Amino acid sequence: MDAFSYQFTALRGIQAGREYYVVMCPMKLIPRIFLFDEEEIPTELRAQRTLNRARVPEIARYLVDNEQGYVFSSITASIDGLVTFQPMAENGPGRNVGTLVVPMQSRFLINDGQHRRAAVEEALKTRPELGEETLSVVFFVDAGLERSQQLFADLNKYAVRPSRSIGILYDKRDARGQLTVGIIRAVPAFSGFIEMEKTNLGARSPKLFTLSSVYEATVALLGIRRGQRISDAELNRARDYWIALCEVFPEWKQLADKKITAPQLRTDYVHAHGVVLHALGLAGRELIEEYPDTWRNQLLTLQRVNWRRTNTEVWEGRAMEHSKISKATRNVQLTANYIKRMLGLELSAEDARSEREFLHTK
């Protein structure tokens, strides 16, 4: 890099008849050359959404904490400047490999990746050595930056966030997810009956719960945080608890034995829905703490509960709203309150307050 221009080793490509370039940019340059639009500029004159600064620390921690295993996707940016490309050869494959020369006075605008850019800047404060590593950048030449807003729209138009379930399944850094996958294999009512990819079940789905539902319920049961080490005792406790519930809900066993279908269960019973599963996790944690040696026997008292959706006197306003299942936080808490009371557990001050408010409005 000389005193007047940035020089990047680059690959040249063609899209829609226009040249674009892929370069490897040292991370220490990322905060210097890519500046954000000022927040006071009206949205219609900017080429990006406003930066959500709350997201930046988490992404920066990911960079810092995973020195040997982080992966960052490319930043896409526009350049307004007299860019020149110097190919290695006049003909053949070498004509699209060379040096991209960008005057320093050029204007750079990020079309996709502003949160990655901010996270790099933050991570460099903790780990300056990251500055020698590289991040791929896709450059489009955009005189006057007139196409930048359209680039942003086009890049995000078809972007689809992966489902929570598949995110849990593939995240090897979250021990809670891997624990949940292991439990699913060990619990007869879960094995083969958990949707591992989608977050929502279709009306005719042969699956009982989603992976994300079992994950949330198990995290609630064990009270474990991300990054916390999970002991064998905790793993066994979670497995044993969900297996014990198969005695409480004979319909779960009937599903495993193929005597009933998952759609039938969801139509007839609230315990075939994530809201009750999550509530069972919350109640189970307190049950095991209160009755460490006899919780299995105590759990059997739930056999006396009418879990049918037609039991609206109990479930309307708790697991259901207007006869439809609801997994809102309030519904999970109120459902857990009912289960705790049936188990002989005392409600916390917060739970008792939510219960009073519910009963007052019922």
Protein backbone atom coordinates (compact mmCIF):
# COMPACT_ATOMS: atom_id res chain seq x y z
CA MET A 1 0.00 0.00 0.00
CA ASP A 2 1.57 3.30 -1.09
CA ALA A 3 0.86 6.76 0.28
CA PHE A 4 -2.03 7.52 -2.05
CA SER A 5 -3.94 4.31 -2.64
CA TYR A 6 -4.99 0.98 -1.19
CA GLN A 7 -3.77 -2.01 -3.15
CA PHE A 8 -5.53 -5.32 -2.70
CA THR A 9 -4.88 -8.69 -4.27
CA ALA A 10 -8.18 -9.34 -5.97
CA LEU A 11 -10.30 -11.64 -8.11
CA ARG A 12 -12.41 -9.99 -10.79
CA GLY A 13 -15.88 -11.19 -11.71
CA ILE A 14 -18.89 -10.09 -13.76
CA GLN A 15 -22.49 -9.75 -12.61
CA ALA A 16 -25.22 -8.08 -14.64
CA GLY A 17 -22.55 -6.86 -17.05
CA ARG A 18 -20.66 -5.00 -14.32
CA GLU A 19 -17.28 -5.82 -12.87
CA TYR A 20 -16.94 -6.57 -9.17
CA TYR A 21 -13.97 -7.63 -7.08
CA VAL A 22 -13.29 -9.99 -4.21
CA VAL A 23 -10.36 -8.99 -2.01
CA MET A 24 -8.74 -10.16 1.21
CA CYS A 25 -8.70 -7.14 3.51
CA PRO A 26 -6.58 -7.08 6.70
CA MET A 27 -8.91 -6.67 9.66
CA LYS A 28 -6.97 -3.69 10.94
CA LEU A 29 -8.07 -1.82 7.81
CA ILE A 30 -11.76 -2.65 8.18
CA PRO A 31 -12.57 0.12 10.72
CA ARG A 32 -10.38 2.64 8.88
CA ILE A 33 -11.80 2.44 5.40
CA PHE A 34 -15.42 1.60 6.15
CA LEU A 35 -17.23 4.43 7.90
CA PHE A 36 -20.87 4.34 8.91
CA ASP A 37 -23.50 6.65 7.59
CA GLU A 38 -24.17 9.25 10.23
CA GLU A 39 -27.33 8.40 12.14
CA GLU A 40 -28.75 11.87 11.65
CA ILE A 41 -28.87 11.40 7.87
CA PRO A 42 -32.46 10.61 6.86
CA THR A 43 -33.14 6.97 6.01
CA GLU A 44 -34.00 7.77 2.40
CA LEU A 45 -30.49 9.20 1.89
CA ARG A 46 -28.63 6.32 3.52
CA ALA A 47 -27.66 2.95 2.08
CA GLN A 48 -27.96 0.92 5.28
CA ARG A 49 -30.28 0.43 8.21
CA THR A 50 -29.31 2.12 11.49
CA LEU A 51 -26.68 0.17 13.38
CA ASN A 52 -28.12 -1.86 16.25
CA ARG A 53 -25.33 -1.37 18.74
CA ALA A 54 -26.79 -3.92 21.15
CA ARG A 55 -25.77 -6.68 18.72
CA VAL A 56 -22.13 -5.62 18.48
CA PRO A 57 -20.72 -6.81 21.85
CA GLU A 58 -22.00 -10.37 21.35
CA ILE A 59 -20.46 -10.62 17.88
CA ALA A 60 -17.19 -9.13 19.17
CA ARG A 61 -17.09 -11.67 22.01
CA TYR A 62 -17.54 -14.42 19.46
CA LEU A 63 -14.42 -13.19 17.65
CA VAL A 64 -12.40 -12.85 20.83
CA ASP A 65 -13.47 -16.10 22.50
CA ASN A 66 -13.04 -18.32 19.44
CA GLU A 67 -9.50 -17.52 18.42
CA GLN A 68 -9.01 -20.90 16.75
CA GLY A 69 -12.49 -21.40 15.37
CA TYR A 70 -14.36 -18.25 14.35
CA VAL A 71 -15.85 -17.87 10.88
CA PHE A 72 -16.89 -14.52 9.40
CA SER A 73 -18.72 -14.16 6.11
CA SER A 74 -17.79 -11.52 3.56
CA ILE A 75 -18.61 -7.84 3.79
CA THR A 76 -20.23 -6.36 0.69
CA ALA A 77 -19.34 -2.75 -0.07
CA SER A 78 -19.53 -0.09 -2.75
CA ILE A 79 -16.65 2.15 -3.87
CA ASP A 80 -17.07 5.62 -5.28
CA GLY A 81 -13.68 6.34 -6.81
CA LEU A 82 -11.38 5.90 -9.81
CA VAL A 83 -10.73 2.21 -9.24
CA THR A 84 -8.26 0.38 -11.48
CA PHE A 85 -7.63 -3.33 -11.80
CA GLN A 86 -4.18 -4.54 -12.84
CA PRO A 87 -4.41 -8.15 -14.07
CA MET A 88 -1.58 -10.64 -13.76
CA ALA A 89 -1.93 -11.61 -17.42
CA GLU A 90 -3.57 -10.32 -20.58
CA ASN A 91 -5.24 -13.62 -21.41
CA GLY A 92 -6.32 -16.84 -19.74
CA PRO A 93 -7.25 -17.33 -16.09
CA GLY A 94 -4.67 -14.74 -15.03
CA ARG A 95 -6.67 -11.92 -16.60
CA ASN A 96 -9.14 -12.07 -13.68
CA VAL A 97 -6.49 -12.25 -10.95
CA GLY A 98 -4.51 -9.18 -10.06
CA THR A 99 -4.27 -6.02 -7.99
CA LEU A 100 -7.16 -3.69 -7.23
CA VAL A 101 -5.92 -0.11 -6.79
CA VAL A 102 -8.31 2.18 -4.88
CA PRO A 103 -7.43 5.84 -4.23
CA MET A 104 -7.50 6.67 -0.53
CA GLN A 105 -9.86 9.55 -1.09
CA SER A 106 -12.50 7.15 -2.44
CA ARG A 107 -15.73 6.76 -0.53
CA PHE A 108 -16.55 3.30 0.80
CA LEU A 109 -20.04 2.28 1.82
CA ILE A 110 -21.04 -1.04 3.38
CA ASN A 111 -24.06 -2.62 1.74
CA ASP A 112 -24.06 -5.76 3.90
CA GLY A 113 -22.00 -6.37 7.03
CA GLN A 114 -22.05 -3.21 9.12
CA HIS A 115 -22.44 -5.17 12.37
CA ARG A 116 -19.48 -7.38 11.44
CA ARG A 117 -17.46 -4.24 10.76
CA ALA A 118 -18.36 -2.76 14.17
CA ALA A 119 -17.60 -6.07 15.90
CA VAL A 120 -14.16 -6.22 14.26
CA GLU A 121 -13.39 -2.73 15.54
CA GLU A 122 -14.47 -3.71 19.05
CA ALA A 123 -12.60 -7.04 19.02
CA LEU A 124 -9.36 -5.37 17.92
CA LYS A 125 -9.32 -3.44 21.20
CA THR A 126 -9.03 -6.73 23.08
CA ARG A 127 -7.05 -8.74 20.56
CA PRO A 128 -4.94 -6.40 18.39
CA GLU A 129 -3.30 -9.41 16.74
CA LEU A 130 -6.58 -10.00 14.90
CA GLY A 131 -5.58 -7.06 12.75
CA GLU A 132 -3.17 -9.27 10.79
CA GLU A 133 -5.92 -11.72 9.85
CA THR A 134 -8.12 -11.10 6.84
CA LEU A 135 -11.77 -10.72 6.00
CA SER A 136 -13.06 -11.15 2.48
CA VAL A 137 -14.76 -8.11 0.98
CA VAL A 138 -16.85 -8.01 -2.18
CA PHE A 139 -16.43 -4.59 -3.84
CA PHE A 140 -18.84 -3.09 -6.34
CA VAL A 141 -17.90 0.10 -8.14
CA ASP A 142 -20.74 2.58 -7.74
CA ALA A 143 -20.08 6.11 -8.99
CA GLY A 144 -21.92 8.52 -6.75
CA LEU A 145 -23.11 5.56 -4.69
CA GLU A 146 -26.39 5.75 -6.59
CA ARG A 147 -26.92 1.99 -6.67
CA SER A 148 -26.06 1.38 -3.00
CA GLN A 149 -29.62 1.44 -1.70
CA GLN A 150 -30.69 -0.99 -4.39
CA LEU A 151 -27.73 -3.23 -3.57
CA PHE A 152 -28.80 -3.27 0.07
CA ALA A 153 -32.38 -4.14 -0.89
CA ASP A 154 -31.31 -6.87 -3.32
CA LEU A 155 -28.84 -8.44 -0.87
CA ASN A 156 -31.44 -8.67 1.89
CA LYS A 157 -34.54 -9.43 -0.17
CA TYR A 158 -34.08 -13.19 -0.17
CA ALA A 159 -32.06 -13.59 3.03
CA VAL A 160 -33.74 -16.14 5.32
CA ARG A 161 -32.63 -16.55 8.91
CA PRO A 162 -32.08 -20.24 9.75
CA SER A 163 -34.64 -21.75 12.10
CA ARG A 164 -33.88 -21.80 15.81
CA SER A 165 -33.99 -25.60 15.83
CA ILE A 166 -31.36 -26.08 13.16
CA GLY A 167 -29.24 -23.36 14.78
CA ILE A 168 -29.29 -25.34 18.04
CA LEU A 169 -28.52 -28.59 16.24
CA TYR A 170 -25.47 -27.23 14.43
CA ASP A 171 -24.05 -25.04 17.23
CA LYS A 172 -21.30 -27.23 18.68
CA ARG A 173 -20.19 -24.44 21.02
CA ASP A 174 -23.43 -24.54 23.01
CA ALA A 175 -23.19 -27.59 25.27
CA ARG A 176 -26.89 -27.19 26.12
CA GLY A 177 -27.84 -27.95 22.53
CA GLN A 178 -25.67 -31.04 22.37
CA LEU A 179 -27.10 -32.15 25.72
CA THR A 180 -30.61 -31.76 24.33
CA VAL A 181 -29.79 -33.83 21.24
CA GLY A 182 -28.42 -36.58 23.51
CA ILE A 183 -31.56 -36.52 25.66
CA ILE A 184 -33.79 -36.78 22.61
CA ARG A 185 -32.03 -39.99 21.63
CA ALA A 186 -32.41 -41.41 25.15
CA VAL A 187 -36.09 -40.64 25.81
CA PRO A 188 -38.44 -43.09 24.03
CA ALA A 189 -41.22 -40.51 23.61
CA PHE A 190 -38.75 -38.12 21.96
CA SER A 191 -36.58 -40.41 19.85
CA GLY A 192 -37.81 -40.20 16.27
CA PHE A 193 -40.60 -37.78 17.22
CA ILE A 194 -38.72 -34.47 17.41
CA GLU A 195 -38.57 -32.01 14.50
CA MET A 196 -34.85 -31.25 14.29
CA GLU A 197 -34.95 -28.53 11.64
CA LYS A 198 -38.15 -26.51 11.73
CA THR A 199 -39.25 -24.27 14.58
CA ASN A 200 -42.97 -24.79 13.99
CA LEU A 201 -44.91 -27.98 13.40
CA GLY A 202 -47.45 -28.28 10.63
CA ALA A 203 -50.93 -29.54 11.45
CA ARG A 204 -50.12 -32.96 9.94
CA SER A 205 -46.56 -33.24 11.17
CA PRO A 206 -45.76 -36.71 12.61
CA LYS A 207 -43.43 -35.07 15.14
CA LEU A 208 -44.40 -34.37 18.75
CA PHE A 209 -42.16 -31.38 19.57
CA THR A 210 -39.48 -29.28 17.92
CA LEU A 211 -35.84 -29.39 18.95
CA SER A 212 -36.09 -25.77 20.07
CA SER A 213 -38.99 -26.63 22.41
CA VAL A 214 -37.11 -29.52 24.03
CA TYR A 215 -34.05 -27.27 24.29
CA GLU A 216 -35.93 -24.45 26.05
CA ALA A 217 -37.63 -26.89 28.42
CA THR A 218 -34.36 -28.65 29.28
CA VAL A 219 -32.52 -25.37 29.86
CA ALA A 220 -35.38 -24.34 32.18
CA LEU A 221 -35.22 -27.70 33.96
CA LEU A 222 -31.49 -27.49 34.65
CA GLY A 223 -31.18 -23.70 34.96
CA ILE A 224 -27.96 -23.69 32.95
CA ARG A 225 -26.46 -20.73 31.11
CA ARG A 226 -24.59 -20.67 27.83
CA GLY A 227 -20.93 -21.55 28.37
CA GLN A 228 -21.64 -23.30 31.66
CA ARG A 229 -20.14 -26.76 32.02
CA ILE A 230 -22.76 -29.51 32.17
CA SER A 231 -22.04 -32.40 34.52
CA ASP A 232 -22.98 -36.03 34.00
CA ALA A 233 -25.34 -35.70 36.97
CA GLU A 234 -27.24 -32.90 35.23
CA LEU A 235 -27.44 -34.89 32.02
CA ASN A 236 -28.81 -37.90 33.90
CA ARG A 237 -31.26 -35.73 35.81
CA ALA A 238 -32.73 -34.27 32.63
CA ARG A 239 -32.94 -37.65 30.93
CA ASP A 240 -34.59 -39.27 33.95
CA TYR A 241 -37.08 -36.44 34.33
CA TRP A 242 -38.34 -36.59 30.75
CA ILE A 243 -38.50 -40.39 30.88
CA ALA A 244 -40.48 -40.19 34.14
CA LEU A 245 -43.03 -37.96 32.42
CA CYS A 246 -43.80 -40.81 30.04
CA GLU A 247 -45.46 -42.48 33.07
CA VAL A 248 -47.48 -39.33 33.70
CA PHE A 249 -48.60 -39.01 30.09
CA PRO A 250 -49.53 -42.47 28.77
CA GLU A 251 -50.33 -40.82 25.44
CA TRP A 252 -46.60 -40.14 24.97
CA LYS A 253 -45.95 -43.87 25.34
CA GLN A 254 -48.79 -44.64 22.93
CA LEU A 255 -47.13 -42.36 20.38
CA ALA A 256 -43.81 -44.20 20.81
CA ASP A 257 -45.69 -47.49 20.37
CA LYS A 258 -47.47 -46.07 17.29
CA LYS A 259 -50.90 -46.49 18.86
CA ILE A 260 -51.71 -42.82 18.36
CA THR A 261 -50.46 -40.11 16.03
CA ALA A 262 -48.83 -36.80 16.88
CA PRO A 263 -51.56 -34.77 15.11
CA GLN A 264 -54.17 -36.55 17.27
CA LEU A 265 -52.20 -35.68 20.41
CA ARG A 266 -51.88 -32.01 19.46
CA THR A 267 -55.59 -31.82 18.68
CA ASP A 268 -56.69 -33.37 21.99
CA TYR A 269 -54.07 -32.58 24.64
CA VAL A 270 -52.21 -29.49 25.87
CA HIS A 271 -49.25 -31.61 27.00
CA ALA A 272 -48.44 -32.22 23.33
CA HIS A 273 -47.44 -28.57 22.90
CA GLY A 274 -44.27 -26.61 23.64
CA VAL A 275 -45.95 -24.26 26.15
CA VAL A 276 -46.62 -27.14 28.55
CA LEU A 277 -43.24 -28.75 27.88
CA HIS A 278 -41.50 -25.49 28.83
CA ALA A 279 -43.71 -25.14 31.91
CA LEU A 280 -42.89 -28.72 32.92
CA GLY A 281 -39.22 -27.82 32.72
CA LEU A 282 -39.70 -24.80 35.00
CA ALA A 283 -41.78 -26.77 37.49
CA GLY A 284 -39.43 -29.76 37.32
CA ARG A 285 -36.46 -27.72 38.44
CA GLU A 286 -38.23 -26.67 41.64
CA LEU A 287 -39.68 -30.14 42.16
CA ILE A 288 -36.27 -31.82 42.10
CA GLU A 289 -34.79 -29.14 44.38
CA GLU A 290 -37.67 -29.54 46.87
CA TYR A 291 -37.90 -33.34 46.70
CA PRO A 292 -34.44 -34.58 45.61
CA ASP A 293 -35.13 -38.18 46.67
CA THR A 294 -38.86 -38.56 46.06
CA TRP A 295 -39.56 -36.29 43.07
CA ARG A 296 -40.51 -39.24 40.85
CA ASN A 297 -43.36 -40.24 43.16
CA GLN A 298 -44.39 -36.60 43.55
CA LEU A 299 -44.49 -36.22 39.76
CA LEU A 300 -47.14 -38.95 39.52
CA THR A 301 -49.68 -36.58 41.09
CA LEU A 302 -49.91 -34.96 37.65
CA GLN A 303 -51.78 -38.06 36.48
CA ARG A 304 -54.85 -36.64 38.19
CA VAL A 305 -54.82 -33.55 35.95
CA ASN A 306 -57.20 -33.35 33.01
CA TRP A 307 -54.79 -32.41 30.21
CA ARG A 308 -57.40 -32.31 27.47
CA ARG A 309 -57.80 -29.07 25.54
CA THR A 310 -61.53 -29.26 26.21
CA ASN A 311 -60.75 -28.58 29.88
CA THR A 312 -61.00 -24.86 29.23
CA GLU A 313 -61.73 -24.07 32.88
CA VAL A 314 -58.07 -24.81 33.61
CA TRP A 315 -56.25 -24.19 30.35
CA GLU A 316 -57.99 -21.14 28.90
CA GLY A 317 -55.76 -18.17 29.72
CA ARG A 318 -52.90 -20.44 30.71
CA ALA A 319 -51.82 -22.75 27.88
CA MET A 320 -54.52 -21.38 25.56
CA GLU A 321 -55.83 -18.02 24.46
CA HIS A 322 -59.25 -18.00 22.79
CA SER A 323 -59.04 -21.81 22.47
CA LYS A 324 -55.71 -21.62 20.64
CA ILE A 325 -52.41 -22.77 22.08
CA SER A 326 -50.16 -19.86 23.05
CA LYS A 327 -46.48 -20.05 23.93
CA ALA A 328 -46.13 -16.44 25.05
CA THR A 329 -43.99 -15.92 28.16
CA ARG A 330 -47.06 -15.10 30.22
CA ASN A 331 -48.76 -18.35 29.18
CA VAL A 332 -45.68 -20.42 30.00
CA GLN A 333 -45.51 -18.86 33.47
CA LEU A 334 -49.22 -19.31 34.22
CA THR A 335 -49.11 -22.91 33.02
CA ALA A 336 -46.06 -23.54 35.20
CA ASN A 337 -47.89 -21.98 38.16
CA TYR A 338 -50.73 -24.48 37.81
CA ILE A 339 -48.35 -27.42 37.51
CA LYS A 340 -46.35 -26.28 40.56
CA ARG A 341 -49.52 -26.04 42.63
CA MET A 342 -50.55 -29.53 41.57
CA LEU A 343 -47.11 -30.76 42.64
CA GLY A 344 -47.47 -29.15 46.05
CA LEU A 345 -44.84 -26.49 45.40
CA GLU A 346 -45.02 -22.96 46.76
CA LEU A 347 -45.14 -20.15 44.24
CA SER A 348 -42.47 -17.48 44.30
CA ALA A 349 -43.50 -13.88 44.93
CA GLU A 350 -43.38 -13.15 41.20
CA ASP A 351 -45.37 -16.27 40.33
CA ALA A 352 -47.95 -15.51 43.00
CA ARG A 353 -48.37 -11.96 41.70
CA SER A 354 -48.93 -13.19 38.12
CA GLU A 355 -51.40 -15.75 39.46
CA ARG A 356 -53.40 -13.11 41.33
CA GLU A 357 -53.53 -10.89 38.26
CA PHE A 358 -54.70 -13.81 36.14
CA LEU A 359 -57.42 -14.88 38.56
CA HIS A 360 -58.56 -11.26 38.95
CA THR A 361 -59.11 -10.87 35.20
CA LYS A 362 -60.56 -14.31 34.60
